[in-house]
Protein backbone atom coordinates (compact mmCIF):
# COMPACT_ATOMS: atom_id res chain seq x y z
CA UNK A 1 113.79 115.45 134.87
CA UNK A 2 111.25 114.37 132.20
CA UNK A 3 112.31 117.17 129.85
CA UNK A 4 115.57 115.31 129.20
CA UNK A 5 114.37 111.71 129.52
CA UNK A 6 111.78 110.80 126.93
CA UNK A 7 111.86 107.07 127.71
CA UNK A 8 111.22 107.58 131.44
CA UNK A 9 108.40 110.06 130.71
CA UNK A 10 106.76 107.43 128.48
CA UNK A 11 106.92 104.77 131.20
CA UNK A 12 105.77 107.05 134.04
CA UNK A 13 103.26 109.39 132.39
CA UNK A 14 101.88 107.82 129.20
CA UNK A 15 99.28 105.11 128.79
CA UNK A 16 98.41 103.40 125.52
CA UNK A 17 96.09 100.60 124.47
CA UNK A 18 97.94 97.27 124.31
CA UNK A 19 97.67 95.74 120.83
CA UNK A 20 97.31 92.20 122.17
CA UNK A 21 94.82 92.71 125.03
CA UNK A 22 93.24 96.10 124.36
CA UNK A 23 93.94 97.13 127.95
CA UNK A 24 95.26 100.58 128.86
CA UNK A 25 98.87 100.07 129.95
CA UNK A 26 101.98 102.19 130.66
CA UNK A 27 103.95 102.95 127.50
CA UNK A 28 107.15 100.99 128.08
CA UNK A 29 109.07 101.18 124.82
CA UNK A 30 109.82 97.89 123.07
CA UNK A 31 113.15 97.20 121.38
CA UNK A 32 112.38 98.78 117.96
CA UNK A 33 110.81 101.82 119.62
CA UNK A 34 113.88 102.29 121.84
CA UNK A 35 116.13 102.13 118.76
CA UNK A 36 114.13 104.73 116.84
CA UNK A 37 113.78 106.97 119.91
CA UNK A 38 117.55 106.83 120.36
CA UNK A 39 118.06 108.03 116.77
CA UNK A 40 115.59 110.87 117.31
CA UNK A 41 117.28 111.94 120.51
CA UNK A 42 120.74 111.80 118.92
CA UNK A 43 119.58 114.34 116.35
CA UNK A 44 117.85 116.54 118.90
CA UNK A 45 120.78 116.56 121.35
CA UNK A 46 123.13 117.44 118.48
CA UNK A 47 121.03 120.55 117.83
CA UNK A 48 119.73 119.20 114.51
CA UNK A 49 116.16 118.95 113.24
CA UNK A 50 114.69 115.48 113.77
CA UNK A 51 114.04 113.96 110.34
CA UNK A 52 113.11 110.26 110.05
CA UNK A 53 112.03 108.05 107.11
CA UNK A 54 110.42 105.00 108.67
CA UNK A 55 109.79 101.78 106.73
CA UNK A 56 107.28 99.92 108.86
CA UNK A 57 106.61 96.26 109.54
CA UNK A 58 103.48 95.15 111.32
CA UNK A 59 102.57 95.72 114.95
CA UNK A 60 105.67 97.25 116.51
CA UNK A 61 104.19 100.69 117.17
CA UNK A 62 106.06 103.05 114.86
CA UNK A 63 103.09 105.41 114.50
CA UNK A 64 102.50 105.31 118.25
CA UNK A 65 106.13 106.17 118.99
CA UNK A 66 106.07 109.08 116.53
CA UNK A 67 102.90 110.56 117.97
CA UNK A 68 104.04 110.16 121.58
CA UNK A 69 107.41 111.75 120.80
CA UNK A 70 105.60 114.75 119.32
CA UNK A 71 103.33 114.85 122.38
CA UNK A 72 106.42 114.94 124.62
CA UNK A 73 107.66 117.97 122.73
CA UNK A 74 104.33 119.71 123.22
CA UNK A 75 103.48 118.70 126.78
CA UNK A 76 106.93 118.80 128.37
CA UNK A 77 109.57 120.64 126.35
CA UNK A 78 107.77 123.48 124.52
CA UNK A 79 104.77 125.75 124.59
CA UNK A 80 103.07 126.88 121.36
CA UNK A 81 104.78 124.01 119.51
CA UNK A 82 102.29 123.09 116.81
CA UNK A 83 101.94 119.74 115.00
CA UNK A 84 100.35 118.40 111.84
CA UNK A 85 99.13 114.85 111.19
CA UNK A 86 98.61 113.93 107.54
CA UNK A 87 97.61 110.41 106.49
CA UNK A 88 96.48 108.65 103.33
CA UNK A 89 92.84 109.14 104.36
CA UNK A 90 91.54 111.50 106.99
CA UNK A 91 90.07 108.74 109.18
CA UNK A 92 93.51 107.13 109.53
CA UNK A 93 94.95 110.44 110.70
CA UNK A 94 92.09 110.59 113.19
CA UNK A 95 93.08 107.19 114.55
CA UNK A 96 96.63 108.48 115.09
CA UNK A 97 95.29 111.50 116.93
CA UNK A 98 93.14 109.12 119.00
CA UNK A 99 96.36 107.85 120.61
CA UNK A 100 97.04 111.41 121.77
CA UNK A 101 93.50 111.79 123.12
CA UNK A 102 93.95 108.69 125.29
CA UNK A 103 97.30 109.99 126.49
CA UNK A 104 95.69 113.24 127.65
CA UNK A 105 92.75 111.50 129.29
CA UNK A 106 95.10 109.43 131.46
CA UNK A 107 97.84 112.04 131.99
CA UNK A 108 98.99 112.27 135.66
CA UNK A 109 97.51 115.11 137.68
CA UNK A 110 100.92 116.15 139.06
CA UNK A 111 102.12 116.87 135.49
CA UNK A 112 99.39 119.46 134.95
CA UNK A 113 101.04 122.14 137.09
CA UNK A 114 97.93 122.65 139.21
CA UNK A 115 95.72 123.63 136.26
CA UNK A 116 92.18 122.48 135.53
CA UNK A 117 92.27 119.13 133.69
CA UNK A 118 89.93 120.57 131.07
CA UNK A 119 92.75 122.84 129.94
CA UNK A 120 94.77 119.68 129.20
CA UNK A 121 92.19 118.24 126.80
CA UNK A 122 91.59 118.80 123.10
CA UNK A 123 89.23 121.64 122.20
CA UNK A 124 88.40 122.95 118.70
CA UNK A 125 90.67 125.77 117.58
CA UNK A 126 88.59 128.76 116.47
CA UNK A 127 85.64 126.43 115.69
CA UNK A 128 87.72 124.45 113.19
CA UNK A 129 86.73 120.84 112.56
CA UNK A 130 90.30 119.96 111.52
CA UNK A 131 92.41 121.79 114.12
CA UNK A 132 92.28 121.37 117.88
CA UNK A 133 94.38 122.82 120.64
CA UNK A 134 95.51 122.08 124.20
CA UNK A 135 94.90 125.38 126.04
CA UNK A 136 97.30 124.63 128.92
CA UNK A 137 100.20 124.35 126.47
CA UNK A 138 98.97 126.79 123.82
CA UNK A 139 99.72 124.18 121.14
CA UNK A 140 97.67 123.17 118.12
CA UNK A 141 97.25 119.79 116.44
CA UNK A 142 96.01 119.90 112.83
CA UNK A 143 94.49 116.93 111.07
CA UNK A 144 94.46 116.54 107.29
CA UNK A 145 94.73 113.95 104.54
CA UNK A 146 96.73 113.46 101.37
CA UNK A 147 93.50 114.32 99.53
CA UNK A 148 93.44 117.84 101.00
CA UNK A 149 97.07 118.83 101.73
CA UNK A 150 96.39 122.51 101.14
CA UNK A 151 94.95 122.61 104.66
CA UNK A 152 98.60 122.91 105.72
CA UNK A 153 99.21 126.05 103.67
CA UNK A 154 99.26 129.37 105.45
CA UNK A 155 100.01 127.83 108.84
CA UNK A 156 103.25 127.34 110.72
CA UNK A 157 104.00 123.99 112.32
CA UNK A 158 107.04 122.76 114.19
CA UNK A 159 106.27 119.07 113.70
CA UNK A 160 104.67 116.90 111.01
CA UNK A 161 103.75 113.21 111.04
CA UNK A 162 103.13 111.88 107.51
CA UNK A 163 101.58 108.41 107.52
CA UNK A 164 101.37 105.70 104.81
CA UNK A 165 103.21 107.89 102.30
CA UNK A 166 103.71 105.02 99.84
CA UNK A 167 100.00 105.19 99.03
CA UNK A 168 99.79 108.96 98.50
CA UNK A 169 98.81 109.96 94.98
CA UNK A 170 98.07 106.28 94.32
CA UNK A 171 101.67 105.68 93.38
CA UNK A 172 102.01 108.75 91.16
CA UNK A 173 105.44 110.01 92.19
CA UNK A 174 104.93 113.60 91.10
CA UNK A 175 101.57 113.90 92.85
CA UNK A 176 102.97 112.40 96.06
CA UNK A 177 106.03 114.67 95.88
CA UNK A 178 103.83 117.76 95.61
CA UNK A 179 101.74 116.65 98.60
CA UNK A 180 104.85 116.06 100.75
CA UNK A 181 106.30 119.44 99.74
CA UNK A 182 103.04 121.14 100.66
CA UNK A 183 102.93 119.52 104.09
CA UNK A 184 106.62 119.70 104.97
CA UNK A 185 106.96 123.23 103.65
CA UNK A 186 105.09 124.43 106.74
CA UNK A 187 107.85 123.10 109.07
CA UNK A 188 111.04 125.20 109.40
CA UNK A 189 114.49 123.61 109.28
CA UNK A 190 115.38 124.36 112.89
CA UNK A 191 116.50 122.52 116.06
CA UNK A 192 113.86 120.36 117.76
CA UNK A 193 111.48 120.50 114.82
CA UNK A 194 110.27 117.05 113.79
CA UNK A 195 109.27 115.48 110.48
CA UNK A 196 108.57 111.75 110.27
CA UNK A 197 107.54 110.08 107.02
CA UNK A 198 106.39 106.55 107.73
CA UNK A 199 104.77 103.85 105.63
CA UNK A 200 104.44 100.22 104.90
CA UNK A 201 105.98 99.43 101.52
CA UNK A 202 103.91 99.18 98.34
CA UNK A 203 106.36 98.05 95.69
CA UNK A 204 109.00 100.19 94.03
CA UNK A 205 107.02 102.41 91.67
CA UNK A 206 106.21 105.22 94.08
CA UNK A 207 107.60 108.29 95.82
CA UNK A 208 108.26 106.54 99.15
CA UNK A 209 110.58 103.97 97.57
CA UNK A 210 112.54 106.68 95.76
CA UNK A 211 112.91 108.63 99.01
CA UNK A 212 114.08 105.47 100.76
CA UNK A 213 116.76 104.97 98.13
CA UNK A 214 117.91 108.60 98.52
CA UNK A 215 118.06 108.28 102.31
CA UNK A 216 120.03 105.02 102.18
CA UNK A 217 122.48 106.67 99.78
CA UNK A 218 122.95 109.57 102.21
CA UNK A 219 121.42 112.10 99.81
CA UNK A 220 118.43 112.97 101.99
CA UNK A 221 118.03 115.01 105.19
CA UNK A 222 116.19 112.02 106.70
CA UNK A 223 117.54 109.00 108.56
CA UNK A 224 116.24 105.75 107.00
CA UNK A 225 114.94 103.32 109.62
CA UNK A 226 113.77 99.78 108.92
CA UNK A 227 112.45 97.38 111.55
CA UNK A 228 112.56 93.70 110.46
CA UNK A 229 109.91 91.32 111.78
CA UNK A 230 112.38 89.44 113.99
CA UNK A 231 113.20 92.58 115.98
CA UNK A 232 109.59 92.68 117.17
CA UNK A 233 109.43 90.84 120.46
CA UNK A 234 105.95 89.33 120.08
CA UNK A 235 106.92 87.38 116.97
CA UNK A 236 108.06 84.11 118.52
CA UNK A 237 106.55 80.81 119.61
CA UNK A 238 107.08 79.61 123.14
CA UNK A 239 108.46 76.08 122.76
CA UNK A 240 109.30 73.25 125.08
CA UNK A 241 112.81 71.81 124.96
CA UNK A 242 111.64 68.85 122.89
CA UNK A 243 109.86 71.17 120.44
CA UNK A 244 112.99 73.31 120.12
CA UNK A 245 114.95 70.20 119.12
CA UNK A 246 112.27 68.98 116.70
CA UNK A 247 111.24 72.16 114.88
CA UNK A 248 114.33 72.69 112.62
CA UNK A 249 113.47 69.52 110.71
CA UNK A 250 110.37 71.35 109.40
CA UNK A 251 112.28 74.39 108.12
CA UNK A 252 112.94 74.94 104.41
CA UNK A 253 116.12 76.52 103.01
CA UNK A 254 114.95 80.08 103.61
CA UNK A 255 114.02 79.37 107.21
CA UNK A 256 117.30 77.55 107.80
CA UNK A 257 119.05 80.66 106.47
CA UNK A 258 117.22 82.70 109.10
CA UNK A 259 118.33 80.26 111.75
CA UNK A 260 121.98 79.83 110.80
CA UNK A 261 123.02 82.91 108.81
CA UNK A 262 120.79 85.54 110.41
CA UNK A 263 121.37 84.08 113.85
CA UNK A 264 117.71 83.97 114.85
CA UNK A 265 116.67 81.53 117.52
CA UNK A 266 114.39 78.54 116.95
CA UNK A 267 111.36 80.17 118.59
CA UNK A 268 111.52 83.11 116.18
CA UNK A 269 111.89 80.95 113.07
CA UNK A 270 109.16 78.60 114.33
CA UNK A 271 106.81 81.60 114.52
CA UNK A 272 107.80 82.59 110.98
CA UNK A 273 107.24 79.03 109.76
CA UNK A 274 103.72 78.85 111.19
CA UNK A 275 102.74 82.37 110.14
CA UNK A 276 103.99 81.78 106.62
CA UNK A 277 101.48 78.94 106.19
CA UNK A 278 98.70 81.57 106.17
CA UNK A 279 99.91 82.96 102.83
CA UNK A 280 99.65 81.22 99.43
CA UNK A 281 102.99 82.73 98.29
CA UNK A 282 106.20 83.43 100.17
CA UNK A 283 106.30 86.84 98.47
CA UNK A 284 103.10 87.78 100.33
CA UNK A 285 104.68 86.82 103.64
CA UNK A 286 107.80 88.84 102.84
CA UNK A 287 105.70 91.91 102.03
CA UNK A 288 103.85 91.73 105.34
CA UNK A 289 106.73 90.54 107.54
CA UNK A 290 109.96 91.52 105.77
CA UNK A 291 113.39 90.43 106.91
CA UNK A 292 115.14 93.10 104.80
CA UNK A 293 114.08 96.35 103.12
CA UNK A 294 114.37 94.63 99.72
CA UNK A 295 111.78 92.09 100.84
CA UNK A 296 109.50 94.88 102.05
CA UNK A 297 109.59 96.58 98.65
CA UNK A 298 109.45 93.38 96.61
CA UNK A 299 105.67 93.17 96.28
CA UNK A 300 103.00 95.75 95.57
CA UNK A 301 99.90 95.53 97.76
CA UNK A 302 97.70 96.55 94.83
CA UNK A 303 97.06 93.15 93.27
CA UNK A 304 94.35 94.50 90.90
CA UNK A 305 93.00 97.95 89.94
CA UNK A 306 91.20 99.58 92.83
CA UNK A 307 92.16 96.92 95.36
CA UNK A 308 92.45 99.55 98.08
CA UNK A 309 88.70 100.15 97.82
CA UNK A 310 87.55 96.71 98.91
CA UNK A 311 85.99 96.44 102.36
CA UNK A 312 84.65 92.90 102.74
CA UNK A 313 81.04 92.63 103.91
CA UNK A 314 80.24 90.63 107.01
CA UNK A 315 78.88 87.14 106.50
CA UNK A 316 75.78 88.01 108.50
CA UNK A 317 74.99 91.24 106.61
CA UNK A 318 71.21 91.66 106.83
CA UNK A 319 68.73 91.34 103.99
CA UNK A 320 69.04 90.29 100.37
CA UNK A 321 71.08 93.38 99.43
CA UNK A 322 74.49 94.55 100.54
CA UNK A 323 74.51 96.16 103.97
CA UNK A 324 76.43 99.18 102.72
CA UNK A 325 77.54 99.01 99.11
CA UNK A 326 78.40 102.32 97.54
CA UNK A 327 78.27 102.31 93.73
CA UNK A 328 79.20 105.40 91.71
CA UNK A 329 78.19 105.51 88.06
CA UNK A 330 79.30 107.89 85.33
CA UNK A 331 76.88 108.02 82.39
CA UNK A 332 79.34 110.08 80.36
CA UNK A 333 82.26 107.71 80.89
CA UNK A 334 80.11 104.59 80.77
CA UNK A 335 81.87 103.23 83.85
CA UNK A 336 80.82 102.27 87.32
CA UNK A 337 82.90 102.16 90.48
CA UNK A 338 81.81 100.14 93.50
CA UNK A 339 83.03 100.06 97.07
CA UNK A 340 81.63 98.05 99.94
CA UNK A 341 81.80 98.62 103.68
CA UNK A 342 79.60 96.07 105.37
CA UNK A 343 80.19 97.17 108.93
CA UNK A 344 77.69 99.96 108.48
CA UNK A 345 79.01 102.60 110.89
CA UNK A 346 79.13 106.19 109.71
CA UNK A 347 82.83 106.73 110.34
CA UNK A 348 83.65 103.49 108.54
CA UNK A 349 81.43 104.46 105.64
CA UNK A 350 83.44 107.65 105.52
CA UNK A 351 86.58 105.61 104.80
CA UNK A 352 84.76 103.68 102.06
CA UNK A 353 83.45 106.83 100.40
CA UNK A 354 86.82 108.58 100.63
CA UNK A 355 88.66 105.64 99.10
CA UNK A 356 86.10 105.29 96.32
CA UNK A 357 86.44 109.00 95.65
CA UNK A 358 90.19 108.49 95.29
CA UNK A 359 89.62 106.12 92.37
CA UNK A 360 87.08 108.50 90.84
CA UNK A 361 89.54 111.37 91.09
CA UNK A 362 92.30 109.35 89.45
CA UNK A 363 90.00 108.07 86.71
CA UNK A 364 88.47 111.45 85.93
CA UNK A 365 84.94 110.08 86.28
CA UNK A 366 81.98 112.33 86.99
CA UNK A 367 79.82 111.08 89.84
CA UNK A 368 76.09 111.27 89.24
CA UNK A 369 74.52 108.50 91.33
CA UNK A 370 74.83 106.76 94.67
CA UNK A 371 73.29 103.33 95.17
CA UNK A 372 73.11 102.01 98.71
CA UNK A 373 70.90 99.60 100.61
CA UNK A 374 68.93 101.13 103.51
CA UNK A 375 70.97 104.30 103.25
CA UNK A 376 70.90 106.96 105.93
CA UNK A 377 73.62 108.93 104.14
CA UNK A 378 72.40 112.15 102.56
CA UNK A 379 73.60 113.26 99.17
CA UNK A 380 74.94 116.51 100.66
CA UNK A 381 76.92 114.56 103.27
CA UNK A 382 78.45 112.49 100.47
CA UNK A 383 79.37 115.48 98.34
CA UNK A 384 81.31 116.98 101.24
CA UNK A 385 83.65 113.99 101.39
CA UNK A 386 83.93 113.79 97.63
CA UNK A 387 84.89 117.47 97.50
CA UNK A 388 87.62 116.89 100.10
CA UNK A 389 88.97 114.13 97.87
CA UNK A 390 89.10 116.43 94.88
CA UNK A 391 86.07 115.07 93.01
CA UNK A 392 83.73 117.70 91.55
CA UNK A 393 80.22 116.53 90.75
CA UNK A 394 78.54 117.36 87.45
CA UNK A 395 75.14 117.02 89.11
CA UNK A 396 73.83 119.05 92.02
CA UNK A 397 73.74 117.21 95.33
CA UNK A 398 69.95 117.35 95.36
CA UNK A 399 69.87 115.53 92.01
CA UNK A 400 71.90 112.54 93.17
CA UNK A 401 69.86 109.39 92.91
CA UNK A 402 69.63 107.05 95.91
CA UNK A 403 68.62 103.49 95.00
CA UNK A 404 69.08 100.10 96.69
CA UNK A 405 71.62 97.57 95.45
CA UNK A 406 69.33 94.87 94.10
CA UNK A 407 70.15 91.31 93.07
CA UNK A 408 69.70 92.41 89.45
CA UNK A 409 72.42 95.05 89.83
CA UNK A 410 74.82 92.56 91.42
CA UNK A 411 74.05 89.94 88.78
CA UNK A 412 74.75 92.44 86.01
CA UNK A 413 78.15 93.25 87.52
CA UNK A 414 78.93 89.56 88.00
CA UNK A 415 78.05 88.85 84.37
CA UNK A 416 80.23 91.68 83.18
CA UNK A 417 83.18 90.29 85.11
CA UNK A 418 82.74 86.73 83.88
CA UNK A 419 82.28 87.92 80.29
CA UNK A 420 85.41 90.04 80.51
CA UNK A 421 87.43 87.16 81.95
CA UNK A 422 86.27 84.81 79.21
CA UNK A 423 87.02 87.36 76.49
CA UNK A 424 90.48 88.12 77.85
CA UNK A 425 89.59 91.66 78.92
CA UNK A 426 90.29 90.92 82.57
CA UNK A 427 93.04 88.71 84.01
CA UNK A 428 93.17 87.82 87.68
CA UNK A 429 96.81 87.48 88.74
CA UNK A 430 95.90 84.86 91.34
CA UNK A 431 94.54 81.69 89.73
CA UNK A 432 92.85 80.55 92.95
CA UNK A 433 91.05 83.91 93.22
CA UNK A 434 89.88 83.63 89.62
CA UNK A 435 88.49 80.16 90.34
CA UNK A 436 86.79 81.45 93.49
CA UNK A 437 85.09 84.26 91.60
CA UNK A 438 83.82 81.91 88.88
CA UNK A 439 82.39 79.58 91.53
CA UNK A 440 80.37 82.15 93.48
CA UNK A 441 76.66 81.52 93.85
CA UNK A 442 74.18 84.32 93.19
CA UNK A 443 73.82 84.93 96.94
CA UNK A 444 77.59 85.00 97.44
CA UNK A 445 78.05 87.35 94.48
CA UNK A 446 75.63 89.82 96.01
CA UNK A 447 77.75 90.05 99.16
CA UNK A 448 81.22 89.96 97.60
CA UNK A 449 82.71 93.46 97.50
CA UNK A 450 85.69 92.36 95.44
CA UNK A 451 83.48 90.90 92.74
CA UNK A 452 81.28 94.00 92.66
CA UNK A 453 84.27 96.25 92.17
CA UNK A 454 85.85 94.07 89.49
CA UNK A 455 82.54 93.75 87.66
CA UNK A 456 81.97 97.49 87.81
CA UNK A 457 85.35 98.18 86.22
CA UNK A 458 84.98 95.60 83.45
CA UNK A 459 84.01 96.70 79.95
CA UNK A 460 80.94 94.96 78.54
CA UNK A 461 81.49 92.87 75.39
CA UNK A 462 80.63 94.81 72.25
CA UNK A 463 78.79 91.78 70.82
CA UNK A 464 77.21 88.62 72.28
CA UNK A 465 79.65 85.89 73.16
CA UNK A 466 80.09 83.04 70.71
CA UNK A 467 81.14 79.47 71.37
CA UNK A 468 84.70 80.38 70.37
CA UNK A 469 84.90 82.76 73.29
CA UNK A 470 84.60 79.86 75.72
CA UNK A 471 87.40 77.74 74.22
């Protein structure tokens, strides 16, 4: 029964964590998930490989649907049906696999064919840290990142889930294309094989946008799928009758277009109206909650160089220094790269280090020092993650210097930023953000990851500033 009814299997046998409450609940597909699942099943039932290009909006569960569909193939339809998860950074791929782990932990006993539950759990495959298997189904699940795609070479997979593809290669189309070819080359073009490329948009100057254009034009093997914000059921305000009558008077021309031309109801447009007030520009709202694919691609999420590295520190970060600021300095290049992750957990630091390494790799900088407050991260631990990201150190791991981030260091970076802004070497695109940075106190500057990163990337003035520089 379940082998031919994916939707029923999801509702009866799968539990996920609800995004709103965090509770473990049955996986009853929402409207966008049902639409995408229908497209997948159309391809499968026609005897064709399942190939999907998924342009995501926020919070409708596209990654969850993809992973659960692949789990259905492995747990119900096939044995020895191997899968690969490749994300922008390895920790994100791990989060995707975490959905699968929860599915297995709550899987019904009567679906296990009388076998020991332990055989229906993940175990390392041949002592690999990146590949696990489910012994009861003889299937493997490999985990890799866009930094280390060669992990897919030499192995055969029947399914691949590629996540946040727009950010692969940091927008370099050729680099991203090579990574996708490496990953997808391990999946044969055969019935019931699955490849899903999914991503939020990041402007038009990247591989994902080009692939979207090819798919829309019918020149790709993949079905293009876009889910607009208004198809997501949670995006609506519950209104009384009087509020429904009153709200349209608040709408501007764009919102009235949604109401009258798009045919949305008042509760949906009222939600859009209120949510939009959180953003200083309508373009920002369209990028996060697009109505059309063109809106999704209209704005790049990289508002300044290295924006992907910023992890804001908590307001209550302890001590006079940053809780976990990672600063890489290249003496040869005369440049410093900073990344902050104030939450202080090892796995979250891993994300910070990996993202910082991405910028180092792209910039060709040699890494010779790590500065971190109250660090419990060893130099050898760091070099392992840098190596995965493709950064080769000029210094031996034992020679890496570990020093705290002091107020003097932060003040130096702040001064470099302000000098560069005054001399025209750095231009903030957002005027309000530029004003905010100029107004930071010394204490605020020490805790502001964005300022640290900007200051680290700014060139120092060749000569002292003169009065003319301030005019």
